[in-house]
Each structure stands twice: as C-alpha cells, then as structure tokens.
C-alpha cells in the first residue's frame, strides 16, 4: 500500500501556485480598452490626467467628435474618433494639426493612454460628470 507524505503534498501544491502566479499576473496586467468603451466611459465627461513629466491636464470628448484640452501651458480644440484599441485625435495646435492615434489600456486599477510607440502619454486620474 502506498502512503502519502502530507508535507510533500503541501510543498508540491505551494510550488504549483507560485509557478502559476506570474502567468496569472501577466494575463491580468494589461487590458486594452476599445474605442466603443472609450465612447461609453468618457464622452460627455471631463477626464483629468497626468503626463509622465507630472504635467496636469484635462480633456473633454463630445459625442459630435469634437474635443477640448486644457493644460497649464495651453488650451486646444480638435476632433477625435474611436478606434479598435482607443482613439485618434487631431488638435489645432498640438502636432500642427496632424492626427495621432492612442491606445487606451487598464493596468490594475489605473487607466493609461499610450502613444503609438506604447510609451505613456497620460495616466487618467479621474473621470467626472455626466
């Protein structure tokens, strides 16, 4: 008759849990937000954000495709449109009116807007209004 060592079983189970933890964390680490979800969560509301250089800003996306941005150093207006992985924006002053597309992701409890090179454009601090 075969006997089982309870200590050995506990050690094997603990090792299995530890070994699977990085995989679970990697799967939960980042979730892309679709343009339709951006529309549902942000349109008609004021989004307060912080840039990687700690500059604070807010922007407002409207249902008609217009948008407004306020920063300490300037204000701008433009247009936006949803994409599969976020949105594209064209500002009158920023980037001389050239469109740039952004990916919106959730990492844990924080939402980030990423530049095309996947660097952080802004961290969303809060969304206010209805």
Protein backbone atom coordinates (compact mmCIF):
# COMPACT_ATOMS: atom_id res chain seq x y z
CA UNK A 1 0.00 0.00 0.00
CA UNK A 2 1.26 3.43 -0.96
CA UNK A 3 1.46 6.15 1.68
CA UNK A 4 1.42 9.87 1.01
CA UNK A 5 3.60 12.35 2.78
CA UNK A 6 1.35 15.32 3.69
CA UNK A 7 4.31 17.71 3.92
CA UNK A 8 5.50 16.73 0.43
CA UNK A 9 1.98 17.21 -0.97
CA UNK A 10 1.74 20.70 0.59
CA UNK A 11 5.14 21.64 -0.83
CA UNK A 12 4.13 20.45 -4.31
CA UNK A 13 0.88 22.41 -4.15
CA UNK A 14 2.68 25.55 -2.96
CA UNK A 15 5.22 25.22 -5.78
CA UNK A 16 2.42 24.87 -8.33
CA UNK A 17 0.69 28.02 -7.02
CA UNK A 18 3.92 30.02 -7.07
CA UNK A 19 4.82 28.80 -10.55
CA UNK A 20 1.42 29.81 -11.94
CA UNK A 21 1.37 33.27 -10.29
CA UNK A 22 3.45 35.10 -12.94
CA UNK A 23 1.21 33.73 -15.69
CA UNK A 24 -1.93 34.96 -13.91
CA UNK A 25 -0.33 38.35 -13.26
CA UNK A 26 0.74 38.68 -16.89
CA UNK A 27 -2.77 37.89 -18.09
CA UNK A 28 -4.29 40.48 -15.73
CA UNK A 29 -1.51 43.02 -16.21
CA UNK A 30 -2.97 44.94 -19.14
CA UNK A 31 -6.39 45.15 -20.76
CA UNK A 32 -6.92 47.18 -23.94
CA UNK A 33 -9.96 49.48 -23.91
CA UNK A 34 -11.90 49.60 -27.18
CA UNK A 35 -12.95 52.84 -28.81
CA UNK A 36 -16.56 51.98 -28.11
CA UNK A 37 -15.75 51.60 -24.43
CA UNK A 38 -13.87 54.93 -24.54
CA UNK A 39 -17.02 56.45 -26.03
CA UNK A 40 -19.21 54.90 -23.33
CA UNK A 41 -16.93 55.82 -20.41
CA UNK A 42 -15.55 59.23 -21.45
CA UNK A 43 -17.86 61.04 -23.87
CA UNK A 44 -19.61 63.98 -22.23
CA UNK A 45 -17.31 63.82 -19.20
CA UNK A 46 -14.18 65.64 -18.15
CA UNK A 47 -11.09 63.44 -17.96
CA UNK A 48 -8.37 64.58 -15.57
CA UNK A 49 -4.92 63.19 -16.33
CA UNK A 50 -1.20 63.47 -15.59
CA UNK A 51 1.60 63.29 -18.14
CA UNK A 52 4.83 61.37 -17.40
CA UNK A 53 6.50 64.72 -16.66
CA UNK A 54 3.83 65.33 -13.98
CA UNK A 55 2.01 67.96 -16.00
CA UNK A 56 -1.70 68.01 -15.19
CA UNK A 57 -4.32 68.36 -17.89
CA UNK A 58 -7.96 67.74 -18.58
CA UNK A 59 -9.84 66.95 -21.74
CA UNK A 60 -13.45 66.66 -22.77
CA UNK A 61 -14.60 64.37 -25.61
CA UNK A 62 -18.01 65.14 -27.09
CA UNK A 63 -20.43 62.84 -28.92
CA UNK A 64 -20.19 65.01 -32.05
CA UNK A 65 -16.47 64.14 -32.39
CA UNK A 66 -15.09 67.41 -31.06
CA UNK A 67 -12.74 67.64 -28.12
CA UNK A 68 -11.17 70.26 -25.89
CA UNK A 69 -7.91 70.12 -23.94
CA UNK A 70 -6.68 72.32 -21.10
CA UNK A 71 -3.12 72.31 -19.77
CA UNK A 72 -1.19 74.78 -17.67
CA UNK A 73 0.76 75.98 -20.71
CA UNK A 74 -2.04 75.98 -23.30
CA UNK A 75 -5.57 75.13 -24.37
CA UNK A 76 -6.52 73.47 -27.65
CA UNK A 77 -9.54 72.19 -29.52
CA UNK A 78 -9.80 69.43 -32.08
CA UNK A 79 -11.57 66.29 -33.16
CA UNK A 80 -11.45 62.68 -32.08
CA UNK A 81 -12.65 59.32 -33.36
CA UNK A 82 -12.79 55.87 -31.76
CA UNK A 83 -10.57 53.00 -32.94
CA UNK A 84 -10.43 49.32 -32.04
CA UNK A 85 -7.84 49.97 -29.33
CA UNK A 86 -8.62 53.51 -28.17
CA UNK A 87 -8.96 56.69 -30.20
CA UNK A 88 -7.30 59.10 -32.62
CA UNK A 89 -7.15 62.86 -32.04
CA UNK A 90 -6.35 65.85 -34.23
CA UNK A 91 -5.64 69.12 -32.43
CA UNK A 92 -5.49 72.56 -34.00
CA UNK A 93 -2.18 73.49 -32.32
CA UNK A 94 -0.68 70.26 -30.97
CA UNK A 95 1.40 68.41 -33.60
CA UNK A 96 0.46 71.13 -36.13
CA UNK A 97 -2.91 69.50 -36.73
CA UNK A 98 -1.60 66.03 -37.56
CA UNK A 99 -3.69 63.12 -36.32
CA UNK A 100 -2.21 60.77 -33.72
CA UNK A 101 -3.78 57.52 -32.58
CA UNK A 102 -3.60 56.35 -28.98
CA UNK A 103 -4.11 53.00 -27.30
CA UNK A 104 -6.06 53.04 -24.04
CA UNK A 105 -5.18 50.34 -21.51
CA UNK A 106 -6.09 49.37 -17.98
CA UNK A 107 -3.26 48.11 -15.81
CA UNK A 108 -4.61 47.03 -12.48
CA UNK A 109 -6.85 49.85 -11.32
CA UNK A 110 -5.20 52.53 -13.46
CA UNK A 111 -6.06 53.64 -17.00
CA UNK A 112 -3.31 54.88 -19.32
CA UNK A 113 -3.38 56.49 -22.74
CA UNK A 114 -0.39 55.20 -24.72
CA UNK A 115 1.41 56.87 -27.61
CA UNK A 116 1.92 54.95 -30.88
CA UNK A 117 5.32 53.73 -29.57
CA UNK A 118 3.49 52.39 -26.44
CA UNK A 119 5.07 54.97 -24.12
CA UNK A 120 2.67 56.60 -21.67
CA UNK A 121 1.02 59.76 -22.97
CA UNK A 122 -1.08 60.26 -19.81
CA UNK A 123 -2.31 58.47 -16.73
CA UNK A 124 -6.03 59.02 -16.19
CA UNK A 125 -6.57 60.27 -12.64
CA UNK A 126 -10.36 60.55 -12.65
CA UNK A 127 -13.39 60.97 -14.89
CA UNK A 128 -16.07 63.44 -13.79
CA UNK A 129 -19.55 64.32 -14.97
CA UNK A 130 -22.49 63.18 -16.96
